[in-house]
N, C-alpha and C. Protein backbone atom coordinates (compact mmCIF):
# COMPACT_ATOMS: atom_id res chain seq x y z
N UNK A 1 141.16 226.31 101.05
CA UNK A 1 140.48 225.04 101.17
C UNK A 1 141.45 224.01 101.73
N UNK A 2 140.98 223.20 102.68
CA UNK A 2 141.79 222.17 103.31
C UNK A 2 142.12 221.04 102.33
N UNK A 3 143.04 220.21 102.73
CA UNK A 3 143.49 219.08 101.92
C UNK A 3 143.02 217.78 102.55
N UNK A 4 142.65 216.84 101.69
CA UNK A 4 142.29 215.51 102.14
C UNK A 4 143.20 214.53 101.43
N UNK A 5 143.61 213.50 102.17
CA UNK A 5 144.50 212.53 101.55
C UNK A 5 144.63 211.27 102.37
N UNK A 6 145.57 210.46 101.93
CA UNK A 6 145.75 209.13 102.48
C UNK A 6 147.16 208.96 103.00
N UNK A 7 147.25 208.35 104.17
CA UNK A 7 148.53 207.92 104.73
C UNK A 7 148.39 206.46 105.11
N UNK A 8 149.30 205.64 104.62
CA UNK A 8 149.35 204.25 105.04
C UNK A 8 150.26 204.19 106.26
N UNK A 9 149.68 203.84 107.39
CA UNK A 9 150.41 203.88 108.65
C UNK A 9 151.71 203.09 108.59
N UNK A 10 151.68 201.94 107.95
CA UNK A 10 152.87 201.08 107.89
C UNK A 10 153.99 201.68 107.05
N UNK A 11 153.72 202.75 106.32
CA UNK A 11 154.75 203.40 105.51
C UNK A 11 155.61 204.38 106.31
N UNK A 12 155.25 204.61 107.56
CA UNK A 12 155.94 205.60 108.38
C UNK A 12 156.90 204.95 109.36
N UNK A 13 158.08 205.54 109.54
CA UNK A 13 159.03 205.03 110.52
C UNK A 13 158.66 205.50 111.93
N UNK A 14 157.93 206.59 112.01
CA UNK A 14 157.45 207.09 113.30
C UNK A 14 156.00 207.52 113.09
N UNK A 15 155.11 206.91 113.83
CA UNK A 15 153.67 207.14 113.62
C UNK A 15 153.10 208.27 114.49
N UNK A 16 153.93 208.92 115.29
CA UNK A 16 153.44 209.97 116.20
C UNK A 16 152.75 211.11 115.47
N UNK A 17 153.15 211.39 114.25
CA UNK A 17 152.54 212.48 113.49
C UNK A 17 151.04 212.27 113.32
N UNK A 18 150.61 211.02 113.31
CA UNK A 18 149.19 210.72 113.13
C UNK A 18 148.34 211.30 114.27
N UNK A 19 148.93 211.44 115.45
CA UNK A 19 148.22 212.01 116.59
C UNK A 19 147.88 213.48 116.37
N UNK A 20 148.66 214.15 115.52
CA UNK A 20 148.48 215.58 115.25
C UNK A 20 147.51 215.86 114.11
N UNK A 21 147.15 214.82 113.36
CA UNK A 21 146.31 215.01 112.18
C UNK A 21 144.87 214.63 112.47
N UNK A 22 143.97 215.24 111.72
CA UNK A 22 142.56 214.92 111.83
C UNK A 22 142.28 213.71 110.94
N UNK A 23 142.06 212.56 111.58
CA UNK A 23 141.78 211.33 110.84
C UNK A 23 140.27 211.24 110.63
N UNK A 24 139.88 211.16 109.37
CA UNK A 24 138.47 211.11 109.00
C UNK A 24 137.95 209.68 108.98
N UNK A 25 138.80 208.78 108.51
CA UNK A 25 138.39 207.38 108.37
C UNK A 25 139.64 206.50 108.38
N UNK A 26 139.49 205.28 108.85
CA UNK A 26 140.58 204.32 108.84
C UNK A 26 140.04 202.98 108.37
N UNK A 27 140.77 202.36 107.47
CA UNK A 27 140.44 201.00 107.05
C UNK A 27 141.70 200.15 107.14
N UNK A 28 141.51 198.91 107.48
CA UNK A 28 142.61 197.96 107.55
C UNK A 28 142.35 196.88 106.51
N UNK A 29 143.33 196.69 105.63
CA UNK A 29 143.17 195.69 104.59
C UNK A 29 144.35 194.73 104.62
N UNK A 30 144.09 193.45 104.39
CA UNK A 30 145.20 192.49 104.34
C UNK A 30 146.06 192.74 103.11
N UNK A 31 147.33 192.48 103.23
CA UNK A 31 148.26 192.66 102.12
C UNK A 31 148.13 191.47 101.17
N UNK A 32 148.10 191.78 99.89
CA UNK A 32 148.12 190.74 98.86
C UNK A 32 149.42 190.87 98.07
N UNK A 33 149.68 189.96 97.21
CA UNK A 33 150.88 189.99 96.39
C UNK A 33 150.94 191.25 95.53
N UNK A 34 149.79 191.76 95.13
CA UNK A 34 149.70 192.95 94.26
C UNK A 34 150.38 194.17 94.90
N UNK A 35 150.26 194.31 96.22
CA UNK A 35 150.85 195.48 96.89
C UNK A 35 152.37 195.45 96.90
N UNK A 36 152.96 194.26 96.85
CA UNK A 36 154.42 194.17 96.85
C UNK A 36 155.05 194.47 98.20
N UNK A 37 154.30 194.29 99.26
CA UNK A 37 154.82 194.55 100.62
C UNK A 37 154.67 193.28 101.45
N UNK A 38 155.32 192.21 101.00
CA UNK A 38 155.15 190.91 101.63
C UNK A 38 155.71 190.81 103.06
N UNK A 39 156.44 191.80 103.53
CA UNK A 39 156.93 191.81 104.91
C UNK A 39 155.84 192.29 105.89
N UNK A 40 154.72 192.76 105.32
CA UNK A 40 153.60 193.24 106.13
C UNK A 40 152.41 192.30 106.01
N UNK A 41 151.60 192.26 107.05
CA UNK A 41 150.37 191.47 107.02
C UNK A 41 149.17 192.32 106.60
N UNK A 42 149.26 193.66 106.86
CA UNK A 42 148.12 194.53 106.61
C UNK A 42 148.60 195.93 106.26
N UNK A 43 147.69 196.68 105.67
CA UNK A 43 147.86 198.11 105.50
C UNK A 43 146.77 198.80 106.32
N UNK A 44 147.17 199.77 107.13
CA UNK A 44 146.23 200.60 107.87
C UNK A 44 146.18 201.93 107.13
N UNK A 45 145.07 202.14 106.45
CA UNK A 45 144.93 203.31 105.57
C UNK A 45 144.09 204.37 106.27
N UNK A 46 144.72 205.52 106.51
CA UNK A 46 144.03 206.64 107.16
C UNK A 46 143.71 207.71 106.12
N UNK A 47 142.46 208.12 106.09
CA UNK A 47 142.07 209.30 105.32
C UNK A 47 142.16 210.47 106.31
N UNK A 48 142.95 211.48 105.95
CA UNK A 48 143.19 212.59 106.86
C UNK A 48 142.81 213.91 106.21
N UNK A 49 142.58 214.89 107.05
CA UNK A 49 142.33 216.26 106.63
C UNK A 49 143.44 217.12 107.20
N UNK A 50 144.04 217.95 106.33
CA UNK A 50 145.10 218.87 106.77
C UNK A 50 144.69 220.28 106.36
N UNK A 51 144.75 221.19 107.31
CA UNK A 51 144.39 222.58 107.02
C UNK A 51 145.36 223.18 106.01
N UNK A 52 144.83 224.04 105.16
CA UNK A 52 145.62 224.68 104.11
C UNK A 52 146.87 225.36 104.69
N UNK A 53 146.73 225.99 105.82
CA UNK A 53 147.83 226.73 106.42
C UNK A 53 148.94 225.81 106.94
N UNK A 54 148.64 224.53 107.11
CA UNK A 54 149.61 223.59 107.69
C UNK A 54 150.15 222.58 106.68
N UNK A 55 149.66 222.61 105.45
CA UNK A 55 150.01 221.57 104.49
C UNK A 55 151.51 221.52 104.20
N UNK A 56 152.17 222.66 104.03
CA UNK A 56 153.61 222.64 103.75
C UNK A 56 154.40 222.05 104.90
N UNK A 57 154.05 222.40 106.11
CA UNK A 57 154.75 221.88 107.28
C UNK A 57 154.59 220.38 107.40
N UNK A 58 153.36 219.89 107.23
CA UNK A 58 153.12 218.45 107.38
C UNK A 58 153.71 217.64 106.23
N UNK A 59 153.64 218.13 105.02
CA UNK A 59 154.22 217.36 103.92
C UNK A 59 155.74 217.27 104.07
N UNK A 60 156.35 218.34 104.53
CA UNK A 60 157.80 218.31 104.76
C UNK A 60 158.14 217.31 105.87
N UNK A 61 157.39 217.34 106.97
CA UNK A 61 157.62 216.37 108.05
C UNK A 61 157.46 214.94 107.55
N UNK A 62 156.38 214.71 106.82
CA UNK A 62 156.12 213.35 106.33
C UNK A 62 157.22 212.87 105.39
N UNK A 63 157.81 213.76 104.62
CA UNK A 63 158.87 213.34 103.69
C UNK A 63 160.08 212.78 104.44
N UNK A 64 160.21 213.10 105.71
CA UNK A 64 161.31 212.58 106.53
C UNK A 64 160.89 211.37 107.36
N UNK A 65 159.64 211.01 107.28
CA UNK A 65 159.12 209.88 108.07
C UNK A 65 158.78 208.66 107.23
N UNK A 66 158.89 208.76 105.93
CA UNK A 66 158.55 207.63 105.06
C UNK A 66 159.64 206.57 105.17
N UNK A 67 159.20 205.36 105.45
CA UNK A 67 160.10 204.23 105.65
C UNK A 67 160.71 203.78 104.32
N UNK A 68 162.03 203.68 104.29
CA UNK A 68 162.71 203.17 103.09
C UNK A 68 163.50 201.91 103.39
N UNK A 69 163.26 201.30 104.55
CA UNK A 69 164.02 200.10 104.93
C UNK A 69 163.75 198.92 104.00
N UNK A 70 162.51 198.77 103.55
CA UNK A 70 162.16 197.63 102.70
C UNK A 70 161.98 198.00 101.24
N UNK A 71 161.60 199.25 100.99
CA UNK A 71 161.40 199.70 99.62
C UNK A 71 161.50 201.23 99.60
N UNK A 72 161.66 201.78 98.43
CA UNK A 72 161.80 203.23 98.28
C UNK A 72 160.56 203.90 97.73
N UNK A 73 159.48 203.15 97.53
CA UNK A 73 158.38 203.71 96.76
C UNK A 73 157.11 204.03 97.55
N UNK A 74 157.20 204.07 98.87
CA UNK A 74 156.04 204.52 99.64
C UNK A 74 155.79 205.99 99.34
N UNK A 75 154.55 206.40 99.39
CA UNK A 75 154.21 207.81 99.28
C UNK A 75 152.88 208.05 99.97
N UNK A 76 152.60 209.30 100.24
CA UNK A 76 151.26 209.71 100.69
C UNK A 76 150.90 210.93 99.86
N UNK A 77 149.61 211.20 99.75
CA UNK A 77 149.22 212.35 98.93
C UNK A 77 147.97 213.02 99.48
N UNK A 78 147.86 214.31 99.18
CA UNK A 78 146.81 215.16 99.72
C UNK A 78 146.35 216.13 98.63
N UNK A 79 145.04 216.29 98.51
CA UNK A 79 144.48 217.14 97.45
C UNK A 79 143.48 218.13 98.00
N UNK A 80 143.39 219.25 97.32
CA UNK A 80 142.21 220.10 97.41
C UNK A 80 141.80 220.37 95.96
N UNK A 81 140.94 221.33 95.73
CA UNK A 81 140.47 221.55 94.35
C UNK A 81 141.57 222.06 93.42
N UNK A 82 142.58 222.73 93.98
CA UNK A 82 143.59 223.37 93.15
C UNK A 82 144.92 222.61 93.09
N UNK A 83 145.36 222.07 94.23
CA UNK A 83 146.69 221.47 94.29
C UNK A 83 146.63 220.03 94.79
N UNK A 84 147.68 219.29 94.44
CA UNK A 84 147.85 217.90 94.84
C UNK A 84 149.29 217.75 95.31
N UNK A 85 149.48 217.44 96.59
CA UNK A 85 150.80 217.19 97.13
C UNK A 85 151.04 215.69 97.13
N UNK A 86 152.17 215.27 96.56
CA UNK A 86 152.57 213.87 96.59
C UNK A 86 153.91 213.83 97.32
N UNK A 87 153.94 213.05 98.40
CA UNK A 87 155.07 213.05 99.32
C UNK A 87 155.78 211.70 99.28
N UNK A 88 157.03 211.73 98.83
CA UNK A 88 157.91 210.56 98.85
C UNK A 88 158.96 210.79 99.93
N UNK A 89 159.79 209.81 100.18
CA UNK A 89 160.89 210.01 101.12
C UNK A 89 161.82 211.09 100.58
N UNK A 90 161.99 212.14 101.35
CA UNK A 90 162.90 213.24 101.05
C UNK A 90 162.50 214.07 99.82
N UNK A 91 161.27 213.90 99.33
CA UNK A 91 160.87 214.66 98.14
C UNK A 91 159.36 214.92 98.19
N UNK A 92 158.99 216.19 97.95
CA UNK A 92 157.59 216.59 97.93
C UNK A 92 157.29 217.26 96.59
N UNK A 93 156.24 216.77 95.94
CA UNK A 93 155.77 217.40 94.71
C UNK A 93 154.49 218.17 95.03
N UNK A 94 154.47 219.44 94.65
CA UNK A 94 153.24 220.24 94.73
C UNK A 94 152.77 220.40 93.30
N UNK A 95 151.65 219.76 92.98
CA UNK A 95 151.18 219.70 91.61
C UNK A 95 149.95 220.57 91.44
N UNK A 96 149.94 221.31 90.34
CA UNK A 96 148.74 222.05 89.94
C UNK A 96 147.83 221.02 89.28
N UNK A 97 146.64 220.84 89.79
CA UNK A 97 145.76 219.78 89.30
C UNK A 97 145.29 220.01 87.87
N UNK A 98 145.54 221.19 87.32
CA UNK A 98 145.16 221.45 85.93
C UNK A 98 146.34 221.30 84.98
N UNK A 99 147.52 220.98 85.50
CA UNK A 99 148.72 220.94 84.68
C UNK A 99 149.23 219.49 84.55
N UNK A 100 148.96 218.88 83.41
CA UNK A 100 149.38 217.50 83.18
C UNK A 100 150.90 217.35 83.21
N UNK A 101 151.62 218.39 82.87
CA UNK A 101 153.09 218.34 82.88
C UNK A 101 153.61 218.12 84.30
N UNK A 102 152.97 218.73 85.29
CA UNK A 102 153.35 218.50 86.69
C UNK A 102 153.24 217.02 87.02
N UNK A 103 152.14 216.41 86.62
CA UNK A 103 151.92 214.99 86.90
C UNK A 103 152.93 214.11 86.17
N UNK A 104 153.28 214.49 84.97
CA UNK A 104 154.25 213.71 84.20
C UNK A 104 155.59 213.63 84.93
N UNK A 105 156.08 214.74 85.44
CA UNK A 105 157.36 214.77 86.16
C UNK A 105 157.29 213.92 87.42
N UNK A 106 156.20 214.04 88.16
CA UNK A 106 156.05 213.26 89.39
C UNK A 106 155.99 211.77 89.07
N UNK A 107 155.26 211.39 88.04
CA UNK A 107 155.13 209.97 87.68
C UNK A 107 156.47 209.41 87.20
N UNK A 108 157.22 210.19 86.47
CA UNK A 108 158.56 209.76 86.04
C UNK A 108 159.43 209.48 87.26
N UNK A 109 159.37 210.37 88.23
CA UNK A 109 160.13 210.16 89.45
C UNK A 109 159.66 208.89 90.17
N UNK A 110 158.36 208.74 90.32
CA UNK A 110 157.80 207.59 91.03
C UNK A 110 158.23 206.28 90.39
N UNK A 111 158.19 206.21 89.09
CA UNK A 111 158.61 204.99 88.39
C UNK A 111 160.11 204.77 88.58
N UNK A 112 160.89 205.85 88.61
CA UNK A 112 162.35 205.73 88.77
C UNK A 112 162.74 205.16 90.13
N UNK A 113 161.87 205.32 91.14
CA UNK A 113 162.18 204.76 92.45
C UNK A 113 161.49 203.41 92.68
N UNK A 114 160.81 202.91 91.65
CA UNK A 114 160.26 201.57 91.73
C UNK A 114 158.78 201.45 92.02
N UNK A 115 158.05 202.55 91.99
CA UNK A 115 156.62 202.48 92.25
C UNK A 115 155.95 201.75 91.10
N UNK A 116 155.16 200.71 91.41
CA UNK A 116 154.44 200.01 90.34
C UNK A 116 153.45 200.94 89.65
N UNK A 117 153.33 200.78 88.35
CA UNK A 117 152.47 201.69 87.58
C UNK A 117 151.02 201.72 88.08
N UNK A 118 150.50 200.58 88.54
CA UNK A 118 149.11 200.55 89.01
C UNK A 118 148.93 201.30 90.33
N UNK A 119 150.03 201.70 90.98
CA UNK A 119 149.93 202.45 92.23
C UNK A 119 150.29 203.93 92.07
N UNK A 120 150.47 204.40 90.84
CA UNK A 120 150.82 205.80 90.63
C UNK A 120 149.71 206.74 91.07
N UNK A 121 150.07 207.85 91.71
CA UNK A 121 149.06 208.85 92.08
C UNK A 121 148.44 209.48 90.84
N UNK A 122 147.15 209.75 90.90
CA UNK A 122 146.44 210.37 89.79
C UNK A 122 145.73 211.63 90.24
N UNK A 123 145.21 212.37 89.23
CA UNK A 123 144.41 213.57 89.52
C UNK A 123 143.42 213.22 90.59
């Protein structure tokens, strides 16, 4: 089963990878204080589909494209019925969606790099 997930375009240092992905939907939202990204005016949020056979390759690529110039807590994530990939800069978590312990480790890491609790990835 393919994976569906979200990539915030402004979180990437190189956006060329978006040309290779199947974008299902795009929304542009103005940045508010809640997002904590005051150097940006907007977030361009892409919902993408990644084939099961390509998920490891794309998550690894994305882990090297996440911008850390302004903050360390950008991430993107992709799910199917069984697994949830959460991609941070230089780190990829492959989570079993039935295993709460997997989520606990990922959330501990996310908080350690400064991700606000209200933005933590969930099941």
